[in-house]
PDB file of N, CA and C in Angstrom:
ATOM      1  N   GLY A   1     181.252 121.311  75.062  1.00  0.00           N
ATOM      2  CA  GLY A   1     181.443 121.968  76.440  1.00  0.00           C
ATOM      3  C   GLY A   1     182.210 121.640  77.515  1.00  0.00           C
ATOM      4  N   VAL A   2     182.032 122.037  78.378  1.00  0.00           N
ATOM      5  CA  VAL A   2     182.855 121.876  79.687  1.00  0.00           C
ATOM      6  C   VAL A   2     181.964 120.683  80.435  1.00  0.00           C
ATOM      7  N   VAL A   3     182.222 119.692  81.132  1.00  0.00           N
ATOM      8  CA  VAL A   3     181.595 118.992  82.070  1.00  0.00           C
ATOM      9  C   VAL A   3     181.924 119.324  83.414  1.00  0.00           C
ATOM     10  N   TYR A   4     181.229 119.631  84.180  1.00  0.00           N
ATOM     11  CA  TYR A   4     181.305 119.726  85.749  1.00  0.00           C
ATOM     12  C   TYR A   4     181.267 118.616  86.459  1.00  0.00           C
ATOM     13  N   ASN A   5     182.022 117.927  87.367  1.00  0.00           N
ATOM     14  CA  ASN A   5     182.062 116.707  88.064  1.00  0.00           C
ATOM     15  C   ASN A   5     182.579 116.766  89.195  1.00  0.00           C
ATOM     16  N   TYR A   6     181.933 115.534  90.040  1.00  0.00           N
ATOM     17  CA  TYR A   6     182.348 115.730  91.472  1.00  0.00           C
ATOM     18  C   TYR A   6     182.544 114.389  91.911  1.00  0.00           C
ATOM     19  N   ASN A   7     183.853 114.270  92.531  1.00  0.00           N
ATOM     20  CA  ASN A   7     184.554 113.121  93.371  1.00  0.00           C
ATOM     21  C   ASN A   7     185.306 113.153  94.557  1.00  0.00           C
ATOM     22  N   GLU A   8     185.614 112.515  94.761  1.00  0.00           N
ATOM     23  CA  GLU A   8     186.754 112.148  96.327  1.00  0.00           C
ATOM     24  C   GLU A   8     187.538 113.414  95.970  1.00  0.00           C
ATOM     25  N   GLU A   9     187.863 113.838  94.849  1.00  0.00           N
ATOM     26  CA  GLU A   9     189.143 114.783  94.689  1.00  0.00           C
ATOM     27  C   GLU A   9     188.808 115.887  94.681  1.00  0.00           C
ATOM     28  N   GLY A  10     187.732 116.313  94.564  1.00  0.00           N
ATOM     29  CA  GLY A  10     186.630 117.937  94.404  1.00  0.00           C
ATOM     30  C   GLY A  10     185.883 117.544  92.977  1.00  0.00           C
ATOM     31  N   ILE A  11     185.660 119.123  92.850  1.00  0.00           N
ATOM     32  CA  ILE A  11     185.148 119.403  91.554  1.00  0.00           C
ATOM     33  C   ILE A  11     186.385 119.303  90.484  1.00  0.00           C
ATOM     34  N   HIS A  12     185.804 118.819  89.350  1.00  0.00           N
ATOM     35  CA  HIS A  12     186.729 118.891  88.324  1.00  0.00           C
ATOM     36  C   HIS A  12     185.989 119.552  86.856  1.00  0.00           C
ATOM     37  N   ARG A  13     186.458 120.044  86.250  1.00  0.00           N
ATOM     38  CA  ARG A  13     186.043 120.705  84.655  1.00  0.00           C
ATOM     39  C   ARG A  13     186.659 119.888  83.651  1.00  0.00           C
ATOM     40  N   SER A  14     185.894 119.262  82.678  1.00  0.00           N
ATOM     41  CA  SER A  14     186.503 118.743  81.735  1.00  0.00           C
ATOM     42  C   SER A  14     185.995 118.943  80.673  1.00  0.00           C
ATOM     43  N   GLU A  15     186.681 119.039  79.545  1.00  0.00           N
ATOM     44  CA  GLU A  15     186.462 119.135  77.882  1.00  0.00           C
ATOM     45  C   GLU A  15     186.538 117.942  77.155  1.00  0.00           C
ATOM     46  N   THR A  16     187.200 116.976  77.971  1.00  0.00           N
ATOM     47  CA  THR A  16     187.031 115.477  77.064  1.00  0.00           C
ATOM     48  C   THR A  16     187.013 114.209  78.138  1.00  0.00           C
ATOM     49  N   GLY A  17     186.679 113.195  77.427  1.00  0.00           N
ATOM     50  CA  GLY A  17     186.307 112.301  78.588  1.00  0.00           C
ATOM     51  C   GLY A  17     184.876 111.687  78.663  1.00  0.00           C
ATOM     52  N   TRP A  18     184.131 112.567  78.336  1.00  0.00           N
ATOM     53  CA  TRP A  18     182.762 112.364  78.542  1.00  0.00           C
ATOM     54  C   TRP A  18     182.147 112.007  76.783  1.00  0.00           C
ATOM     55  N   GLU A  19     182.704 111.550  76.076  1.00  0.00           N
ATOM     56  CA  GLU A  19     182.087 111.419  74.967  1.00  0.00           C
ATOM     57  C   GLU A  19     180.850 110.300  74.741  1.00  0.00           C
ATOM     58  N   GLN A  20     181.191 109.412  75.800  1.00  0.00           N
ATOM     59  CA  GLN A  20     179.995 108.436  75.837  1.00  0.00           C
ATOM     60  C   GLN A  20     178.798 108.485  76.824  1.00  0.00           C
ATOM     61  N   CYS A  21     178.858 109.490  77.254  1.00  0.00           N
ATOM     62  CA  CYS A  21     177.819 109.721  78.418  1.00  0.00           C
ATOM     63  C   CYS A  21     176.457 110.202  77.570  1.00  0.00           C
ATOM     64  N   ILE A  22     175.582 110.280  78.627  1.00  0.00           N
ATOM     65  CA  ILE A  22     174.391 110.774  77.990  1.00  0.00           C
ATOM     66  C   ILE A  22     174.032 112.161  78.311  1.00  0.00           C
ATOM     67  N   SER A  23     173.504 112.916  77.376  1.00  0.00           N
ATOM     68  CA  SER A  23     173.472 114.576  77.793  1.00  0.00           C
ATOM     69  C   SER A  23     171.876 114.623  78.070  1.00  0.00           C
ATOM     70  N   ILE A  24     171.106 114.869  79.148  1.00  0.00           N
ATOM     71  CA  ILE A  24     169.715 114.962  79.769  1.00  0.00           C
ATOM     72  C   ILE A  24     169.731 116.630  79.570  1.00  0.00           C
ATOM     73  N   PRO A  25     168.699 116.766  78.458  1.00  0.00           N
ATOM     74  CA  PRO A  25     168.317 118.327  78.335  1.00  0.00           C
ATOM     75  C   PRO A  25     167.355 118.730  79.774  1.00  0.00           C
ATOM     76  N   LEU A  26     168.064 119.903  80.317  1.00  0.00           N
ATOM     77  CA  LEU A  26     167.231 120.255  81.379  1.00  0.00           C
ATOM     78  C   LEU A  26     166.564 121.755  81.058  1.00  0.00           C
ATOM     79  N   VAL A  27     166.786 122.346  79.992  1.00  0.00           N
ATOM     80  CA  VAL A  27     166.430 123.629  79.821  1.00  0.00           C
ATOM     81  C   VAL A  27     165.745 123.762  78.570  1.00  0.00           C
ATOM     82  N   GLN A  28     164.476 124.392  78.957  1.00  0.00           N
ATOM     83  CA  GLN A  28     163.684 124.531  77.860  1.00  0.00           C
ATOM     84  C   GLN A  28     164.002 125.333  76.720  1.00  0.00           C
ATOM     85  N   PRO A  29     163.726 124.986  75.658  1.00  0.00           N
ATOM     86  CA  PRO A  29     164.336 125.923  74.377  1.00  0.00           C
ATOM     87  C   PRO A  29     163.959 127.683  74.345  1.00  0.00           C
ATOM     88  N   ASP A  30     162.689 127.879  75.125  1.00  0.00           N
ATOM     89  CA  ASP A  30     162.235 129.232  75.554  1.00  0.00           C
ATOM     90  C   ASP A  30     163.098 129.841  76.705  1.00  0.00           C
ATOM     91  N   MET A  31     163.547 129.168  77.451  1.00  0.00           N
ATOM     92  CA  MET A  31     164.517 129.560  78.351  1.00  0.00           C
ATOM     93  C   MET A  31     166.009 129.975  78.124  1.00  0.00           C
ATOM     94  N   PHE A  32     166.101 130.801  76.754  1.00  0.00           N
ATOM     95  CA  PHE A  32     167.689 130.976  76.308  1.00  0.00           C
ATOM     96  C   PHE A  32     168.474 131.694  77.266  1.00  0.00           C
ATOM     97  N   GLY A  33     167.654 132.884  78.124  1.00  0.00           N
ATOM     98  CA  GLY A  33     168.757 133.426  79.145  1.00  0.00           C
ATOM     99  C   GLY A  33     169.008 132.415  80.170  1.00  0.00           C
ATOM    100  N   LEU A  34     168.216 131.598  80.568  1.00  0.00           N
ATOM    101  CA  LEU A  34     169.002 130.669  81.728  1.00  0.00           C
ATOM    102  C   LEU A  34     170.285 129.942  80.863  1.00  0.00           C
ATOM    103  N   LEU A  35     170.308 129.775  79.929  1.00  0.00           N
ATOM    104  CA  LEU A  35     171.681 129.027  79.110  1.00  0.00           C
ATOM    105  C   LEU A  35     172.573 129.679  79.327  1.00  0.00           C
ATOM    106  N   GLN A  36     172.178 131.105  78.939  1.00  0.00           N
ATOM    107  CA  GLN A  36     173.567 132.273  78.595  1.00  0.00           C
ATOM    108  C   GLN A  36     174.254 132.632  80.016  1.00  0.00           C
ATOM    109  N   GLN A  37     173.388 132.461  81.435  1.00  0.00           N
ATOM    110  CA  GLN A  37     173.693 131.979  82.897  1.00  0.00           C
ATOM    111  C   GLN A  37     174.522 130.849  83.500  1.00  0.00           C
ATOM    112  N   TRP A  38     173.989 129.689  82.486  1.00  0.00           N
ATOM    113  CA  TRP A  38     174.329 128.645  83.083  1.00  0.00           C
ATOM    114  C   TRP A  38     175.824 128.347  83.643  1.00  0.00           C
ATOM    115  N   ASP A  39     176.526 128.496  82.620  1.00  0.00           N
ATOM    116  CA  ASP A  39     177.883 128.332  83.451  1.00  0.00           C
ATOM    117  C   ASP A  39     178.453 129.487  84.235  1.00  0.00           C
ATOM    118  N   LYS A  40     177.917 130.477  84.303  1.00  0.00           N
ATOM    119  CA  LYS A  40     178.474 131.279  85.517  1.00  0.00           C
ATOM    120  C   LYS A  40     177.636 131.047  87.093  1.00  0.00           C
ATOM    121  N   LEU A  41     176.473 130.623  86.702  1.00  0.00           N
ATOM    122  CA  LEU A  41     175.741 129.760  87.872  1.00  0.00           C
ATOM    123  C   LEU A  41     176.239 128.278  88.676  1.00  0.00           C
ATOM    124  N   LEU A  42     176.837 127.587  87.602  1.00  0.00           N
ATOM    125  CA  LEU A  42     177.433 126.444  87.656  1.00  0.00           C
ATOM    126  C   LEU A  42     178.782 126.747  88.488  1.00  0.00           C
ATOM    127  N   GLU A  43     179.455 127.438  87.922  1.00  0.00           N
ATOM    128  CA  GLU A  43     180.848 127.953  88.375  1.00  0.00           C
ATOM    129  C   GLU A  43     180.863 128.605  89.668  1.00  0.00           C
ATOM    130  N   GLU A  44     179.902 129.192  90.335  1.00  0.00           N
ATOM    131  CA  GLU A  44     179.585 129.924  91.394  1.00  0.00           C
ATOM    132  C   GLU A  44     179.064 129.184  92.357  1.00  0.00           C
ATOM    133  N   PHE A  45     178.029 128.149  91.945  1.00  0.00           N
ATOM    134  CA  PHE A  45     177.676 127.009  92.799  1.00  0.00           C
ATOM    135  C   PHE A  45     178.897 125.901  93.138  1.00  0.00           C
ATOM    136  N   SER A  46     180.089 125.504  92.407  1.00  0.00           N
ATOM    137  CA  SER A  46     180.980 124.411  92.438  1.00  0.00           C
ATOM    138  C   SER A  46     181.926 125.310  93.467  1.00  0.00           C
ATOM    139  N   VAL A  47     181.896 126.346  93.655  1.00  0.00           N
ATOM    140  CA  VAL A  47     183.151 126.819  94.772  1.00  0.00           C
ATOM    141  C   VAL A  47     182.329 126.835  96.193  1.00  0.00           C
ATOM    142  N   GLY A  48     181.291 126.164  96.167  1.00  0.00           N
ATOM    143  CA  GLY A  48     180.657 126.443  97.573  1.00  0.00           C
ATOM    144  C   GLY A  48     181.485 125.201  98.574  1.00  0.00           C
ATOM    145  N   GLU A  49     181.663 125.522  99.902  1.00  0.00           N
ATOM    146  CA  GLU A  49     181.829 124.615 100.658  1.00  0.00           C
ATOM    147  C   GLU A  49     181.604 122.750 100.816  1.00  0.00           C
ATOM    148  N   ALA A  50     180.253 122.920 100.823  1.00  0.00           N
ATOM    149  CA  ALA A  50     179.510 121.585 100.251  1.00  0.00           C
ATOM    150  C   ALA A  50     180.370 120.701  99.503  1.00  0.00           C
ATOM    151  N   TRP A  51     180.791 121.100  98.276  1.00  0.00           N
ATOM    152  CA  TRP A  51     181.918 120.410  97.438  1.00  0.00           C
ATOM    153  C   TRP A  51     183.232 120.046  97.563  1.00  0.00           C
ATOM    154  N   LEU A  52     183.778 120.501  98.764  1.00  0.00           N
ATOM    155  CA  LEU A  52     185.148 120.100  99.072  1.00  0.00           C
ATOM    156  C   LEU A  52     185.185 118.540  99.047  1.00  0.00           C
ATOM    157  N   PRO A  53     186.492 118.384  98.803  1.00  0.00           N
ATOM    158  CA  PRO A  53     187.134 116.686  98.328  1.00  0.00           C
ATOM    159  C   PRO A  53     186.662 115.923  99.639  1.00  0.00           C
ATOM    160  N   HIS A  54     186.882 116.410 100.712  1.00  0.00           N
ATOM    161  CA  HIS A  54     186.593 115.764 102.351  1.00  0.00           C
ATOM    162  C   HIS A  54     185.104 115.801 102.512  1.00  0.00           C
ATOM    163  N   ARG A  55     184.354 116.240 101.450  1.00  0.00           N
ATOM    164  CA  ARG A  55     183.061 116.098 102.078  1.00  0.00           C
ATOM    165  C   ARG A  55     182.506 114.568 101.227  1.00  0.00           C
ATOM    166  N   TYR A  56     183.147 114.236 100.353  1.00  0.00           N
ATOM    167  CA  TYR A  56     182.845 113.646  99.203  1.00  0.00           C
ATOM    168  C   TYR A  56     182.645 112.309 100.011  1.00  0.00           C
ATOM    169  N   GLU A  57     181.241 111.654  99.643  1.00  0.00           N
ATOM    170  CA  GLU A  57     180.842 110.297 100.530  1.00  0.00           C
ATOM    171  C   GLU A  57     180.388 109.400  99.172  1.00  0.00           C
ATOM    172  N   GLU A  58     180.646 108.445  99.019  1.00  0.00           N
ATOM    173  CA  GLU A  58     180.121 107.417  97.839  1.00  0.00           C
ATOM    174  C   GLU A  58     178.788 107.181  97.786  1.00  0.00           C
ATOM    175  N   HIS A  59     178.184 107.210  98.735  1.00  0.00           N
ATOM    176  CA  HIS A  59     176.560 106.906  98.703  1.00  0.00           C
ATOM    177  C   HIS A  59     175.901 108.256  98.793  1.00  0.00           C
ATOM    178  N   ASP A  60     175.907 109.156  99.378  1.00  0.00           N
ATOM    179  CA  ASP A  60     175.002 109.947 100.080  1.00  0.00           C
ATOM    180  C   ASP A  60     175.409 111.381  99.883  1.00  0.00           C
ATOM    181  N   HIS A  61     176.836 111.936  99.151  1.00  0.00           N
ATOM    182  CA  HIS A  61     176.967 113.109  98.886  1.00  0.00           C
ATOM    183  C   HIS A  61     178.507 112.871  97.655  1.00  0.00           C
ATOM    184  N   ASN A  62     177.758 112.831  96.741  1.00  0.00           N
ATOM    185  CA  ASN A  62     178.581 112.352  95.343  1.00  0.00           C
ATOM    186  C   ASN A  62     178.158 113.078  94.018  1.00  0.00           C
ATOM    187  N   CYS A  63     178.370 112.804  93.093  1.00  0.00           N
ATOM    188  CA  CYS A  63     178.204 113.686  91.926  1.00  0.00           C
ATOM    189  C   CYS A  63     176.920 113.679  91.247  1.00  0.00           C
ATOM    190  N   TYR A  64     176.017 112.653  91.663  1.00  0.00           N
ATOM    191  CA  TYR A  64     174.536 112.717  91.705  1.00  0.00           C
ATOM    192  C   TYR A  64     174.053 114.036  92.583  1.00  0.00           C
ATOM    193  N   THR A  65     174.269 113.808  93.438  1.00  0.00           N
ATOM    194  CA  THR A  65     173.873 114.948  94.666  1.00  0.00           C
ATOM    195  C   THR A  65     174.480 116.256  94.133  1.00  0.00           C
ATOM    196  N   TYR A  66     175.546 116.413  93.647  1.00  0.00           N
ATOM    197  CA  TYR A  66     176.010 117.716  93.068  1.00  0.00           C
ATOM    198  C   TYR A  66     175.278 118.259  92.072  1.00  0.00           C
ATOM    199  N   ALA A  67     174.813 117.161  91.172  1.00  0.00           N
ATOM    200  CA  ALA A  67     173.972 117.834  89.963  1.00  0.00           C
ATOM    201  C   ALA A  67     172.766 117.987  90.365  1.00  0.00           C
ATOM    202  N   LEU A  68     172.087 117.399  91.435  1.00  0.00           N
ATOM    203  CA  LEU A  68     170.730 117.423  91.585  1.00  0.00           C
ATOM    204  C   LEU A  68     170.938 118.672  92.635  1.00  0.00           C
ATOM    205  N   ALA A  69     171.538 119.023  93.407  1.00  0.00           N
ATOM    206  CA  ALA A  69     171.752 120.252  94.378  1.00  0.00           C
ATOM    207  C   ALA A  69     171.992 121.610  93.430  1.00  0.00           C
ATOM    208  N   PHE A  70     172.483 121.300  92.356  1.00  0.00           N
ATOM    209  CA  PHE A  70     172.952 122.478  91.355  1.00  0.00           C
ATOM    210  C   PHE A  70     171.576 122.515  90.804  1.00  0.00           C
ATOM    211  N   ILE A  71     171.241 122.030  90.350  1.00  0.00           N
ATOM    212  CA  ILE A  71     169.850 122.002  89.497  1.00  0.00           C
ATOM    213  C   ILE A  71     168.311 122.504  90.679  1.00  0.00           C
ATOM    214  N   ASN A  72     168.404 122.107  91.493  1.00  0.00           N
ATOM    215  CA  ASN A  72     167.457 122.340  92.534  1.00  0.00           C
ATOM    216  C   ASN A  72     167.788 124.114  93.299  1.00  0.00           C
ATOM    217  N   SER A  73     169.186 124.382  92.998  1.00  0.00           N
ATOM    218  CA  SER A  73     169.475 125.741  92.987  1.00  0.00           C
ATOM    219  C   SER A  73     168.899 126.460  92.333  1.00  0.00           C
ATOM    220  N   VAL A  74     169.184 126.367  90.564  1.00  0.00           N
ATOM    221  CA  VAL A  74     168.392 126.762  89.572  1.00  0.00           C
ATOM    222  C   VAL A  74     166.952 126.842  90.058  1.00  0.00           C
ATOM    223  N   LEU A  75     166.076 125.984  90.266  1.00  0.00           N
ATOM    224  CA  LEU A  75     164.763 125.725  90.520  1.00  0.00           C
ATOM    225  C   LEU A  75     164.257 126.932  91.463  1.00  0.00           C
ATOM    226  N   THR A  76     165.240 126.990  92.539  1.00  0.00           N
ATOM    227  CA  THR A  76     164.868 127.931  93.626  1.00  0.00           C
ATOM    228  C   THR A  76     164.803 129.244  93.319  1.00  0.00           C
ATOM    229  N   ALA A  77     166.072 129.665  92.537  1.00  0.00           N
ATOM    230  CA  ALA A  77     166.047 130.850  91.924  1.00  0.00           C
ATOM    231  C   ALA A  77     165.056 131.308  91.055  1.00  0.00           C
ATOM    232  N   GLN A  78     164.392 130.177  90.578  1.00  0.00           N
ATOM    233  CA  GLN A  78     163.446 130.652  89.238  1.00  0.00           C
ATOM    234  C   GLN A  78     162.122 130.629  90.031  1.00  0.00           C
ATOM    235  N   GLY A  79     162.295 130.333  91.491  1.00  0.00           N
ATOM    236  CA  GLY A  79     160.771 130.383  92.169  1.00  0.00           C
ATOM    237  C   GLY A  79     159.777 129.185  92.086  1.00  0.00           C
ATOM    238  N   LYS A  80     160.539 127.994  91.691  1.00  0.00           N
ATOM    239  CA  LYS A  80     160.273 126.943  91.384  1.00  0.00           C
ATOM    240  C   LYS A  80     160.193 125.926  92.156  1.00  0.00           C
ATOM    241  N   GLN A  81     159.514 124.742  92.338  1.00  0.00           N
ATOM    242  CA  GLN A  81     159.724 123.738  93.643  1.00  0.00           C
ATOM    243  C   GLN A  81     161.008 123.105  93.166  1.00  0.00           C
ATOM    244  N   GLN A  82     161.627 122.490  94.325  1.00  0.00           N
ATOM    245  CA  GLN A  82     162.841 121.572  93.891  1.00  0.00           C
ATOM    246  C   GLN A  82     162.596 120.064  94.061  1.00  0.00           C
ATOM    247  N   MET A  83     163.423 119.386  93.563  1.00  0.00           N
ATOM    248  CA  MET A  83     163.007 118.074  93.172  1.00  0.00           C
ATOM    249  C   MET A  83     163.662 117.082  94.056  1.00  0.00           C
ATOM    250  N   ASN A  84     163.449 115.845  94.684  1.00  0.00           N
ATOM    251  CA  ASN A  84     164.036 114.878  95.077  1.00  0.00           C
ATOM    252  C   ASN A  84     164.725 113.938  94.172  1.00  0.00           C
ATOM    253  N   LYS A  85     165.795 112.998  94.817  1.00  0.00           N
ATOM    254  CA  LYS A  85     166.610 112.165  93.960  1.00  0.00           C
ATOM    255  C   LYS A  85     165.637 111.264  92.871  1.00  0.00           C
ATOM    256  N   SER A  86     164.236 110.806  93.573  1.00  0.00           N
ATOM    257  CA  SER A  86     163.261 110.083  92.926  1.00  0.00           C
ATOM    258  C   SER A  86     162.811 110.694  91.765  1.00  0.00           C
ATOM    259  N   GLU A  87     162.327 111.755  91.901  1.00  0.00           N
ATOM    260  CA  GLU A  87     161.386 112.606  91.092  1.00  0.00           C
ATOM    261  C   GLU A  87     162.142 112.834  89.756  1.00  0.00           C
ATOM    262  N   PHE A  88     163.789 113.658  90.385  1.00  0.00           N
ATOM    263  CA  PHE A  88     164.511 114.054  89.144  1.00  0.00           C
ATOM    264  C   PHE A  88     164.667 112.581  88.326  1.00  0.00           C
ATOM    265  N   THR A  89     165.341 111.663  89.023  1.00  0.00           N
ATOM    266  CA  THR A  89     165.344 110.232  88.357  1.00  0.00           C
ATOM    267  C   THR A  89     164.352 109.713  87.275  1.00  0.00           C
ATOM    268  N   GLU A  90     163.102 109.769  87.936  1.00  0.00           N
ATOM    269  CA  GLU A  90     161.617 109.252  87.183  1.00  0.00           C
ATOM    270  C   GLU A  90     161.682 110.304  86.057  1.00  0.00           C
ATOM    271  N   LYS A  91     161.608 111.693  86.266  1.00  0.00           N
ATOM    272  CA  LYS A  91     161.264 112.706  84.713  1.00  0.00           C
ATOM    273  C   LYS A  91     162.250 112.927  84.188  1.00  0.00           C
ATOM    274  N   PHE A  92     163.881 112.954  84.195  1.00  0.00           N
ATOM    275  CA  PHE A  92     164.833 113.038  83.317  1.00  0.00           C
ATOM    276  C   PHE A  92     165.594 111.969  83.225  1.00  0.00           C
ATOM    277  N   VAL A  93     166.119 111.329  84.322  1.00  0.00           N
ATOM    278  CA  VAL A  93     166.941 110.489  83.806  1.00  0.00           C
ATOM    279  C   VAL A  93     166.834 108.926  83.258  1.00  0.00           C
ATOM    280  N   ILE A  94     165.573 108.292  83.689  1.00  0.00           N
ATOM    281  CA  ILE A  94     164.819 106.906  83.178  1.00  0.00           C
ATOM    282  C   ILE A  94     164.435 107.321  82.022  1.00  0.00           C
ATOM    283  N   PRO A  95     163.892 108.419  81.715  1.00  0.00           N
ATOM    284  CA  PRO A  95     163.138 108.027  80.157  1.00  0.00           C
ATOM    285  C   PRO A  95     164.936 108.386  79.161  1.00  0.00           C
ATOM    286  N   GLN A  96     165.387 109.219  79.517  1.00  0.00           N
ATOM    287  CA  GLN A  96     166.926 109.267  78.640  1.00  0.00           C
ATOM    288  C   GLN A  96     167.817 108.074  78.627  1.00  0.00           C
ATOM    289  N   THR A  97     167.749 107.524  79.742  1.00  0.00           N
ATOM    290  CA  THR A  97     168.437 105.984  79.827  1.00  0.00           C
ATOM    291  C   THR A  97     167.697 105.108  79.001  1.00  0.00           C
ATOM    292  N   LYS A  98     166.434 104.960  78.886  1.00  0.00           N
ATOM    293  CA  LYS A  98     165.695 103.980  78.233  1.00  0.00           C
ATOM    294  C   LYS A  98     165.691 104.097  76.602  1.00  0.00           C
ATOM    295  N   LYS A  99     165.785 105.666  76.620  1.00  0.00           N
ATOM    296  CA  LYS A  99     165.901 106.021  74.733  1.00  0.00           C
ATOM    297  C   LYS A  99     167.268 105.494  74.478  1.00  0.00           C
ATOM    298  N   ALA A 100     168.307 105.867  75.524  1.00  0.00           N
ATOM    299  CA  ALA A 100     169.955 105.294  75.269  1.00  0.00           C
ATOM    300  C   ALA A 100     170.129 103.638  75.027  1.00  0.00           C
ATOM    301  N   SER A 101     169.393 103.255  75.750  1.00  0.00           N
ATOM    302  CA  SER A 101     169.545 101.385  75.549  1.00  0.00           C
ATOM    303  C   SER A 101     169.044 101.047  74.341  1.00  0.00           C
ATOM    304  N   LYS A 102     167.711 101.890  74.015  1.00  0.00           N
ATOM    305  CA  LYS A 102     166.857 101.277  72.547  1.00  0.00           C
ATOM    306  C   LYS A 102     167.946 101.712  71.327  1.00  0.00           C
ATOM    307  N   TYR A 103     168.598 102.572  71.291  1.00  0.00           N
ATOM    308  CA  TYR A 103     169.631 103.457  70.190  1.00  0.00           C
ATOM    309  C   TYR A 103     171.015 102.040  70.298  1.00  0.00           C
ATOM    310  N   ILE A 104     171.121 102.029  71.412  1.00  0.00           N
ATOM    311  CA  ILE A 104     172.542 101.179  71.468  1.00  0.00           C
ATOM    312  C   ILE A 104     172.168  99.617  71.359  1.00  0.00           C
ATOM    313  N   THR A 105     171.282  99.317  71.961  1.00  0.00           N
ATOM    314  CA  THR A 105     170.345  97.746  71.139  1.00  0.00           C
ATOM    315  C   THR A 105     170.703  97.561  69.979  1.00  0.00           C
ATOM    316  N   LEU A 106     170.054  98.581  69.626  1.00  0.00           N
ATOM    317  CA  LEU A 106     169.414  98.845  68.053  1.00  0.00           C
ATOM    318  C   LEU A 106     171.399  98.533  67.145  1.00  0.00           C
ATOM    319  N   HIS A 107     172.153  99.463  67.656  1.00  0.00           N
ATOM    320  CA  HIS A 107     173.284  99.853  67.078  1.00  0.00           C
ATOM    321  C   HIS A 107     173.977  98.322  67.330  1.00  0.00           C
ATOM    322  N   HIS A 108     174.000  97.494  68.480  1.00  0.00           N
ATOM    323  CA  HIS A 108     174.931  96.268  68.292  1.00  0.00           C
ATOM    324  C   HIS A 108     174.134  95.260  67.531  1.00  0.00           C
ATOM    325  N   GLU A 109     172.792  95.134  67.305  1.00  0.00           N
ATOM    326  CA  GLU A 109     172.310  94.220  66.355  1.00  0.00           C
ATOM    327  C   GLU A 109     172.731  94.371  64.924  1.00  0.00           C
ATOM    328  N   LEU A 110     172.503  95.607  64.609  1.00  0.00           N
ATOM    329  CA  LEU A 110     173.105  95.823  63.199  1.00  0.00           C
ATOM    330  C   LEU A 110     174.465  95.407  63.246  1.00  0.00           C
ATOM    331  N   THR A 111     175.405  95.966  63.811  1.00  0.00           N
ATOM    332  CA  THR A 111     176.552  95.598  63.614  1.00  0.00           C
ATOM    333  C   THR A 111     176.977  94.135  63.726  1.00  0.00           C
ATOM    334  N   ALA A 112     176.010  93.351  64.872  1.00  0.00           N
ATOM    335  CA  ALA A 112     176.581  92.073  64.872  1.00  0.00           C
ATOM    336  C   ALA A 112     175.920  91.378  63.868  1.00  0.00           C
ATOM    337  N   ASN A 113     175.012  91.884  62.856  1.00  0.00           N
ATOM    338  CA  ASN A 113     174.536  91.197  61.822  1.00  0.00           C
ATOM    339  C   ASN A 113     175.147  91.740  60.773  1.00  0.00           C
ATOM    340  N   ASP A 114     176.200  92.280  60.496  1.00  0.00           N
ATOM    341  CA  ASP A 114     177.051  92.873  59.410  1.00  0.00           C
ATOM    342  C   ASP A 114     176.194  93.815  58.591  1.00  0.00           C
ATOM    343  N   PHE A 115     175.392  94.751  58.968  1.00  0.00           N
ATOM    344  CA  PHE A 115     174.610  95.935  58.460  1.00  0.00           C
ATOM    345  C   PHE A 115     175.703  97.134  58.859  1.00  0.00           C
ATOM    346  N   TYR A 116     175.356  98.113  57.660  1.00  0.00           N
ATOM    347  CA  TYR A 116     176.039  99.239  58.565  1.00  0.00           C
ATOM    348  C   TYR A 116     174.854 100.397  57.733  1.00  0.00           C
ATOM    349  N   ILE A 117     175.113 101.750  58.652  1.00  0.00           N
ATOM    350  CA  ILE A 117     174.083 102.780  58.352  1.00  0.00           C
ATOM    351  C   ILE A 117     174.753 103.881  57.453  1.00  0.00           C
ATOM    352  N   VAL A 118     173.951 104.059  56.527  1.00  0.00           N
ATOM    353  CA  VAL A 118     174.722 105.204  55.823  1.00  0.00           C
ATOM    354  C   VAL A 118     173.813 106.467  55.832  1.00  0.00           C
ATOM    355  N   PRO A 119     174.179 107.776  55.712  1.00  0.00           N
ATOM    356  CA  PRO A 119     173.398 108.806  55.995  1.00  0.00           C
ATOM    357  C   PRO A 119     172.539 109.033  54.885  1.00  0.00           C
ATOM    358  N   LEU A 120     171.350 109.290  54.650  1.00  0.00           N
ATOM    359  CA  LEU A 120     170.721 109.755  53.498  1.00  0.00           C
ATOM    360  C   LEU A 120     171.229 111.216  52.860  1.00  0.00           C
ATOM    361  N   PRO A 121     171.096 111.301  51.268  1.00  0.00           N
ATOM    362  CA  PRO A 121     171.714 112.480  50.690  1.00  0.00           C
ATOM    363  C   PRO A 121     170.750 113.467  51.556  1.00  0.00           C
ATOM    364  N   ASP A 122     171.172 114.964  51.328  1.00  0.00           N
ATOM    365  CA  ASP A 122     170.533 115.905  51.913  1.00  0.00           C
ATOM    366  C   ASP A 122     169.456 116.271  50.799  1.00  0.00           C
ATOM    367  N   GLN A 123     168.376 116.694  51.299  1.00  0.00           N
ATOM    368  CA  GLN A 123     167.145 117.106  50.423  1.00  0.00           C
ATOM    369  C   GLN A 123     167.586 118.071  49.429  1.00  0.00           C
ATOM    370  N   GLU A 124     168.678 119.353  49.979  1.00  0.00           N
ATOM    371  CA  GLU A 124     168.905 120.036  49.131  1.00  0.00           C
ATOM    372  C   GLU A 124     169.867 119.663  47.905  1.00  0.00           C
ATOM    373  N   LYS A 125     170.631 118.609  47.727  1.00  0.00           N
ATOM    374  CA  LYS A 125     171.464 118.338  47.123  1.00  0.00           C
ATOM    375  C   LYS A 125     170.825 117.702  45.804  1.00  0.00           C
ATOM    376  N   LYS A 126     169.474 117.042  46.215  1.00  0.00           N
ATOM    377  CA  LYS A 126     168.747 116.456  45.177  1.00  0.00           C
ATOM    378  C   LYS A 126     168.082 117.027  44.217  1.00  0.00           C
ATOM    379  N   GLN A 127     167.863 118.743  44.850  1.00  0.00           N
ATOM    380  CA  GLN A 127     166.899 119.456  43.948  1.00  0.00           C
ATOM    381  C   GLN A 127     168.022 120.689  43.119  1.00  0.00           C
TER     382      GLN A 127
END
């Protein structure tokens, strides 16, 4: 998909260059309608004056602020309570980074010790 990000040059939309990043699922499967609107909502949110290049500030108004502000705008539209940085970090970011760290550590150990992983044959092929 397209990754939206914000830096000192403003809003960017990229289809490549984010392959090594962690994707944090925010929308539950039963909220398919929201997924259909997600790109439109993100595009509308991104044209706001808050995200102009000159407003960028490395520590207080950055890509993390942009992502959290968007999430909070969606929560508000749903009549739900907004999250602060600490709450978002604890509920969404830390669990995913811990999981990613375990996989990365496992991968490094396997490759450093001359192991390799092969996929198991599909169950359908055995039948």
